N, C-alpha and C. Protein backbone atom coordinates (compact mmCIF):
# COMPACT_ATOMS: atom_id res chain seq x y z
N MET A 1 3.68 -2.75 -7.00
CA MET A 1 3.59 -3.37 -5.64
C MET A 1 2.47 -2.67 -4.97
N ASN A 2 1.49 -3.13 -4.51
CA ASN A 2 0.49 -2.54 -3.45
C ASN A 2 0.68 -2.90 -2.15
N ILE A 3 0.48 -2.08 -1.35
CA ILE A 3 0.32 -2.30 0.12
C ILE A 3 -0.77 -1.79 0.73
N SER A 4 -1.63 -2.45 1.48
CA SER A 4 -2.77 -1.87 2.17
C SER A 4 -2.90 -2.41 3.57
N SER A 5 -3.40 -1.31 4.46
CA SER A 5 -3.76 -1.86 5.78
C SER A 5 -5.12 -2.27 5.80
N ILE A 6 -5.40 -3.06 6.83
CA ILE A 6 -6.74 -3.69 7.11
C ILE A 6 -6.85 -3.58 8.55
N VAL A 7 -8.20 -3.14 8.74
CA VAL A 7 -8.77 -3.28 10.28
C VAL A 7 -9.69 -4.49 10.16
N VAL A 8 -9.30 -5.48 11.17
CA VAL A 8 -10.23 -6.73 11.23
C VAL A 8 -10.87 -6.59 12.59
N GLN A 9 -12.24 -6.74 12.60
CA GLN A 9 -12.91 -6.68 13.72
C GLN A 9 -13.54 -7.92 14.20
N THR A 10 -13.34 -8.39 15.44
CA THR A 10 -14.03 -9.53 15.97
C THR A 10 -14.42 -9.18 17.52
N THR A 11 -14.93 -10.11 18.04
CA THR A 11 -15.39 -9.84 19.60
C THR A 11 -14.12 -10.23 20.58
N PRO A 12 -14.18 -9.59 21.64
CA PRO A 12 -13.17 -9.92 22.57
C PRO A 12 -12.97 -11.40 22.84
N THR A 13 -14.43 -12.04 22.95
CA THR A 13 -14.30 -13.33 23.18
C THR A 13 -13.42 -14.19 22.23
N TYR A 14 -13.44 -13.90 21.00
CA TYR A 14 -12.62 -14.75 20.03
C TYR A 14 -11.49 -14.06 19.30
N ILE A 15 -10.93 -12.88 20.18
CA ILE A 15 -9.63 -12.27 19.67
C ILE A 15 -8.35 -13.26 19.53
N GLU A 16 -8.22 -14.11 20.57
CA GLU A 16 -7.13 -14.91 20.44
C GLU A 16 -7.18 -16.00 19.21
N GLU A 17 -8.50 -16.44 18.96
CA GLU A 17 -8.65 -17.41 18.02
C GLU A 17 -8.18 -16.72 16.53
N VAL A 18 -8.95 -15.51 16.30
CA VAL A 18 -8.79 -14.72 15.28
C VAL A 18 -7.32 -14.32 14.87
N LEU A 19 -6.65 -14.15 16.17
CA LEU A 19 -5.21 -13.46 16.16
C LEU A 19 -4.39 -14.74 15.60
N GLU A 20 -4.72 -15.99 16.24
CA GLU A 20 -3.85 -17.09 15.62
C GLU A 20 -4.03 -17.33 14.26
N LYS A 21 -5.22 -17.23 13.66
CA LYS A 21 -5.38 -17.29 12.10
C LYS A 21 -4.68 -16.46 11.33
N VAL A 22 -4.70 -15.04 11.86
CA VAL A 22 -4.09 -14.04 11.15
C VAL A 22 -2.46 -14.30 11.22
N LYS A 23 -1.95 -14.57 12.25
CA LYS A 23 -0.64 -14.52 12.43
C LYS A 23 -0.08 -15.91 11.66
N SER A 24 -0.81 -16.88 11.66
CA SER A 24 -0.37 -18.02 10.96
C SER A 24 -0.41 -18.10 9.49
N SER A 25 -1.39 -17.10 9.05
CA SER A 25 -1.50 -17.10 7.48
C SER A 25 -0.23 -16.48 6.94
N GLU A 26 0.05 -16.78 5.71
CA GLU A 26 1.25 -16.46 5.08
C GLU A 26 1.18 -15.31 4.06
N PHE A 27 0.08 -14.57 4.12
CA PHE A 27 -0.16 -13.59 3.08
C PHE A 27 -0.52 -11.96 3.76
N CYS A 28 -0.38 -11.98 5.09
CA CYS A 28 -0.57 -10.69 5.86
C CYS A 28 0.33 -10.65 6.76
N GLU A 29 0.48 -9.47 7.31
CA GLU A 29 1.40 -9.10 8.38
C GLU A 29 0.61 -8.54 9.65
N TYR A 30 0.88 -9.09 10.74
CA TYR A 30 0.20 -8.71 11.91
C TYR A 30 0.86 -7.43 12.64
N HIS A 31 0.24 -6.52 13.08
CA HIS A 31 0.97 -5.11 13.66
C HIS A 31 0.43 -5.11 15.02
N MET A 32 -0.83 -5.07 15.27
CA MET A 32 -1.20 -4.71 16.63
C MET A 32 -2.82 -5.21 16.88
N HIS A 33 -3.27 -5.15 17.96
CA HIS A 33 -4.79 -5.54 18.48
C HIS A 33 -4.93 -4.67 19.57
N ASP A 34 -6.27 -4.57 19.98
CA ASP A 34 -6.81 -4.00 21.12
C ASP A 34 -7.77 -4.94 22.06
N GLU A 35 -8.13 -4.59 23.12
CA GLU A 35 -9.13 -5.34 23.98
C GLU A 35 -10.40 -5.42 23.32
N LYS A 36 -10.74 -4.47 22.50
CA LYS A 36 -12.15 -4.21 21.82
C LYS A 36 -12.37 -5.28 20.54
N GLY A 37 -11.07 -5.91 20.32
CA GLY A 37 -11.41 -6.94 19.04
C GLY A 37 -10.90 -6.43 17.90
N ARG A 38 -10.36 -5.20 17.72
CA ARG A 38 -9.77 -4.79 16.52
C ARG A 38 -8.36 -5.22 16.44
N ILE A 39 -8.13 -5.69 15.08
CA ILE A 39 -6.83 -6.19 14.58
C ILE A 39 -6.26 -5.50 13.61
N ILE A 40 -5.12 -4.97 13.56
CA ILE A 40 -4.45 -4.09 12.43
C ILE A 40 -3.48 -5.11 11.62
N ILE A 41 -3.54 -5.08 10.29
CA ILE A 41 -2.77 -5.97 9.69
C ILE A 41 -2.28 -5.30 8.24
N THR A 42 -1.33 -5.68 7.52
CA THR A 42 -1.24 -5.30 6.34
C THR A 42 -1.19 -6.37 5.18
N LEU A 43 -1.50 -5.98 4.00
CA LEU A 43 -1.47 -6.97 3.02
C LEU A 43 -0.46 -6.48 1.76
N GLU A 44 0.16 -7.35 0.90
CA GLU A 44 0.96 -7.00 -0.04
C GLU A 44 0.13 -7.61 -1.42
N GLY A 45 0.43 -6.92 -2.53
CA GLY A 45 -0.11 -7.68 -3.62
C GLY A 45 0.49 -6.93 -4.85
N VAL A 46 0.55 -7.82 -6.09
CA VAL A 46 1.17 -7.10 -7.34
C VAL A 46 0.20 -6.03 -7.82
N ASP A 47 -1.17 -6.37 -7.34
CA ASP A 47 -2.27 -5.33 -7.59
C ASP A 47 -3.25 -5.35 -6.84
N THR A 48 -4.31 -4.39 -7.20
CA THR A 48 -5.43 -4.57 -6.22
C THR A 48 -6.21 -5.73 -6.13
N ASN A 49 -6.42 -6.64 -7.29
CA ASN A 49 -7.03 -7.74 -7.51
C ASN A 49 -6.55 -8.77 -6.48
N GLU A 50 -5.25 -8.85 -6.41
CA GLU A 50 -4.58 -9.78 -5.40
C GLU A 50 -4.68 -9.54 -4.03
N GLU A 51 -4.70 -8.08 -3.71
CA GLU A 51 -5.16 -7.68 -2.42
C GLU A 51 -6.47 -7.96 -1.91
N ILE A 52 -7.60 -7.88 -2.80
CA ILE A 52 -8.79 -7.97 -2.59
C ILE A 52 -8.97 -9.57 -2.41
N SER A 53 -8.45 -10.40 -3.18
CA SER A 53 -8.34 -11.95 -2.94
C SER A 53 -8.08 -12.16 -1.55
N LYS A 54 -6.95 -11.65 -1.23
CA LYS A 54 -6.40 -11.82 0.11
C LYS A 54 -7.44 -11.36 1.29
N LEU A 55 -7.95 -10.34 1.02
CA LEU A 55 -8.81 -9.60 1.99
C LEU A 55 -10.08 -10.47 2.28
N LYS A 56 -10.71 -11.15 1.17
CA LYS A 56 -11.85 -12.02 1.14
C LYS A 56 -11.39 -13.27 1.96
N VAL A 57 -10.41 -13.53 1.89
CA VAL A 57 -9.89 -14.87 2.63
C VAL A 57 -9.97 -14.33 4.30
N ILE A 58 -9.53 -13.39 4.57
CA ILE A 58 -9.42 -12.84 5.77
C ILE A 58 -10.99 -12.65 6.36
N GLN A 59 -11.82 -12.13 5.63
CA GLN A 59 -13.15 -11.96 5.70
C GLN A 59 -13.96 -13.08 6.15
N SER A 60 -13.45 -14.35 5.44
CA SER A 60 -14.04 -15.66 5.52
C SER A 60 -13.68 -16.30 6.83
N PHE A 61 -12.55 -15.76 7.60
CA PHE A 61 -12.34 -16.58 8.94
C PHE A 61 -13.40 -16.57 9.66
N SER A 62 -13.55 -17.60 10.51
CA SER A 62 -14.59 -17.76 11.53
C SER A 62 -14.42 -16.61 12.52
N HIS A 63 -15.42 -16.10 12.96
CA HIS A 63 -15.54 -14.90 14.06
C HIS A 63 -14.98 -13.54 13.52
N VAL A 64 -14.76 -13.54 12.37
CA VAL A 64 -14.47 -12.25 11.72
C VAL A 64 -15.72 -11.50 11.41
N MET A 65 -15.99 -10.18 12.21
CA MET A 65 -17.32 -9.56 11.94
C MET A 65 -17.03 -8.71 10.91
N SER A 66 -15.98 -8.10 10.58
CA SER A 66 -15.54 -7.21 9.26
C SER A 66 -14.06 -7.15 9.11
N ALA A 67 -13.64 -6.98 7.84
CA ALA A 67 -12.23 -6.83 7.53
C ALA A 67 -12.31 -5.96 6.43
N GLU A 68 -11.71 -4.60 6.59
CA GLU A 68 -11.92 -3.55 5.53
C GLU A 68 -10.53 -2.87 5.39
N MET A 69 -10.30 -2.45 4.13
CA MET A 69 -9.08 -1.79 3.72
C MET A 69 -9.36 -0.30 4.35
N VAL A 70 -8.31 0.17 4.98
CA VAL A 70 -8.29 1.51 5.49
C VAL A 70 -7.48 2.41 4.77
N TYR A 71 -6.24 2.05 4.23
CA TYR A 71 -5.36 2.73 3.57
C TYR A 71 -4.68 1.91 2.62
N SER A 72 -4.40 2.43 1.36
CA SER A 72 -3.75 1.54 0.11
C SER A 72 -2.85 2.44 -0.43
N TYR A 73 -1.78 1.95 -0.67
CA TYR A 73 -0.54 2.61 -1.42
C TYR A 73 -0.25 1.68 -2.67
N SER A 74 -0.07 2.31 -3.65
CA SER A 74 0.09 1.74 -5.22
C SER A 74 1.43 2.33 -5.63
N GLU A 75 2.56 1.50 -5.69
CA GLU A 75 3.63 2.13 -6.26
C GLU A 75 3.49 2.70 -7.62
N ASP A 76 2.72 1.84 -8.43
CA ASP A 76 2.62 2.06 -9.86
C ASP A 76 1.89 3.42 -10.09
N GLU A 77 0.82 3.66 -9.31
CA GLU A 77 -0.07 4.79 -9.35
C GLU A 77 0.88 6.07 -8.98
N LEU A 78 1.57 5.96 -7.80
CA LEU A 78 2.63 7.14 -7.48
C LEU A 78 3.52 7.32 -8.73
N ASN A 79 3.99 6.43 -9.26
CA ASN A 79 4.94 6.79 -10.40
C ASN A 79 4.24 7.43 -11.56
N GLU A 80 3.12 6.97 -12.08
CA GLU A 80 2.30 7.46 -12.91
C GLU A 80 2.07 9.13 -12.61
N ILE A 81 1.72 9.36 -11.34
CA ILE A 81 1.46 10.69 -10.94
C ILE A 81 2.69 11.58 -10.98
N ARG A 82 3.54 11.06 -10.66
CA ARG A 82 4.98 11.72 -10.73
C ARG A 82 5.23 12.09 -12.21
N ASN A 83 5.26 11.15 -13.07
CA ASN A 83 5.35 11.44 -14.58
C ASN A 83 4.50 12.37 -15.13
N ASP A 84 3.25 12.43 -14.70
CA ASP A 84 2.14 13.36 -15.10
C ASP A 84 2.78 14.76 -14.61
N LEU A 85 3.01 14.83 -13.43
CA LEU A 85 3.58 16.15 -12.81
C LEU A 85 4.70 16.62 -13.60
N GLU A 86 5.57 15.79 -14.01
CA GLU A 86 6.86 16.14 -14.71
C GLU A 86 6.60 16.72 -16.04
N MET A 87 5.59 16.28 -16.73
CA MET A 87 5.18 16.80 -18.04
C MET A 87 4.35 18.01 -17.74
N GLU A 88 3.75 18.08 -16.78
CA GLU A 88 2.88 19.44 -16.42
C GLU A 88 3.86 20.53 -16.06
N LYS A 89 4.96 20.30 -15.45
CA LYS A 89 5.88 21.35 -15.25
C LYS A 89 6.17 22.42 -16.09
N ASP A 90 6.37 22.07 -17.30
CA ASP A 90 6.45 23.01 -18.31
C ASP A 90 5.30 24.03 -18.52
N ASN A 91 4.12 23.57 -18.01
CA ASN A 91 3.00 24.48 -18.20
C ASN A 91 2.81 25.48 -17.09
N THR A 92 3.71 25.39 -16.04
CA THR A 92 3.47 26.44 -15.09
C THR A 92 3.71 27.79 -15.51
N PRO A 93 2.93 28.66 -15.13
CA PRO A 93 3.08 30.10 -15.44
C PRO A 93 4.33 30.55 -14.70
N ASP A 94 5.19 31.39 -15.38
CA ASP A 94 6.35 32.08 -14.80
C ASP A 94 6.10 32.85 -13.77
N TRP A 95 5.07 33.56 -13.55
CA TRP A 95 4.88 34.44 -12.37
C TRP A 95 4.60 33.61 -11.04
N LEU A 96 4.36 32.30 -11.20
CA LEU A 96 4.12 31.42 -9.86
C LEU A 96 5.69 31.41 -9.22
N ASN A 97 6.71 31.33 -10.16
CA ASN A 97 7.96 31.38 -9.51
C ASN A 97 8.75 32.47 -9.23
N ASP A 98 7.96 33.55 -9.31
CA ASP A 98 8.58 34.97 -9.26
C ASP A 98 8.35 35.40 -7.74
N GLU A 99 9.51 35.54 -7.15
CA GLU A 99 9.46 35.82 -5.56
C GLU A 99 8.85 37.14 -5.24
N ASN A 100 8.68 38.12 -6.41
CA ASN A 100 8.05 39.33 -6.01
C ASN A 100 6.46 39.27 -6.37
N ALA A 101 6.02 38.07 -6.79
CA ALA A 101 4.71 37.99 -7.14
C ALA A 101 3.66 38.04 -5.80
N THR A 102 2.49 38.66 -5.79
CA THR A 102 1.65 38.87 -4.75
C THR A 102 0.30 38.19 -5.09
N ALA A 103 -0.65 37.95 -3.97
CA ALA A 103 -1.95 37.58 -4.19
C ALA A 103 -2.67 38.39 -5.12
N LYS A 104 -2.34 39.71 -5.28
CA LYS A 104 -3.17 40.65 -6.25
C LYS A 104 -2.68 40.38 -7.68
N ASP A 105 -1.69 39.63 -7.66
CA ASP A 105 -1.24 39.25 -9.35
C ASP A 105 -2.19 38.10 -9.70
N ILE A 106 -2.91 37.33 -9.06
CA ILE A 106 -3.76 36.35 -9.51
C ILE A 106 -4.82 36.69 -10.20
N ARG A 107 -5.07 36.23 -11.34
CA ARG A 107 -6.22 36.63 -12.09
C ARG A 107 -7.22 35.41 -11.98
N TYR A 108 -8.35 35.59 -11.40
CA TYR A 108 -9.28 34.43 -11.23
C TYR A 108 -10.26 34.46 -12.45
N ASN A 109 -10.50 33.28 -13.08
CA ASN A 109 -11.37 33.50 -14.33
C ASN A 109 -12.78 32.66 -13.96
N GLY A 110 -12.87 32.15 -12.71
CA GLY A 110 -14.07 31.45 -12.49
C GLY A 110 -15.18 32.04 -11.93
N ASP A 111 -16.20 31.55 -11.66
CA ASP A 111 -17.49 32.33 -11.03
C ASP A 111 -17.33 33.03 -9.58
N LEU A 112 -17.09 32.06 -8.77
CA LEU A 112 -16.98 32.39 -7.37
C LEU A 112 -18.22 33.55 -6.92
N LYS A 113 -19.32 33.18 -7.42
CA LYS A 113 -20.51 34.05 -7.12
C LYS A 113 -20.34 35.39 -7.90
N LYS A 114 -19.86 35.43 -8.87
CA LYS A 114 -19.54 36.63 -9.70
C LYS A 114 -18.53 37.48 -8.94
N ARG A 115 -17.69 36.91 -8.52
CA ARG A 115 -16.49 37.57 -7.85
C ARG A 115 -16.90 39.04 -7.22
N PHE A 116 -17.57 38.84 -6.13
CA PHE A 116 -18.21 40.13 -5.51
C PHE A 116 -19.10 40.89 -6.22
C-alpha cells in the first residue's frame, strides 16, 4: 500500500469550486486548504502507478494550476529495507557495540583529503 500527500494549487477565486471537486472525488482525502488556494490531500494506491493515475486526474480538474506529490510512503519499500537491515546486522563490527569504544578506535580508510 502506498500513501502520498499532494499539494494542489488553484487561485483564491476558484478555491471553492476545486474544493468541491476534490471532496466529491472518491479516490483522495481532503485535509485542509488556505486562503492562497493551496489544498492538501492524500492519495492511496496499491503501487506508485495507481497513485500517479489518480494524481493525473486531479491535475486535469478545471482551475487546478498544479498538483504535485510532496511526500510518499510505501509499505513494501519499508519492509524491503527492514529485511536488508536485518541481513546486514551480522556484518556489524563488534567494536561498534563495545561501550568502551571511543572515536579514536575508528579506522578511516577513505581519502578525506589524505587524512590531514
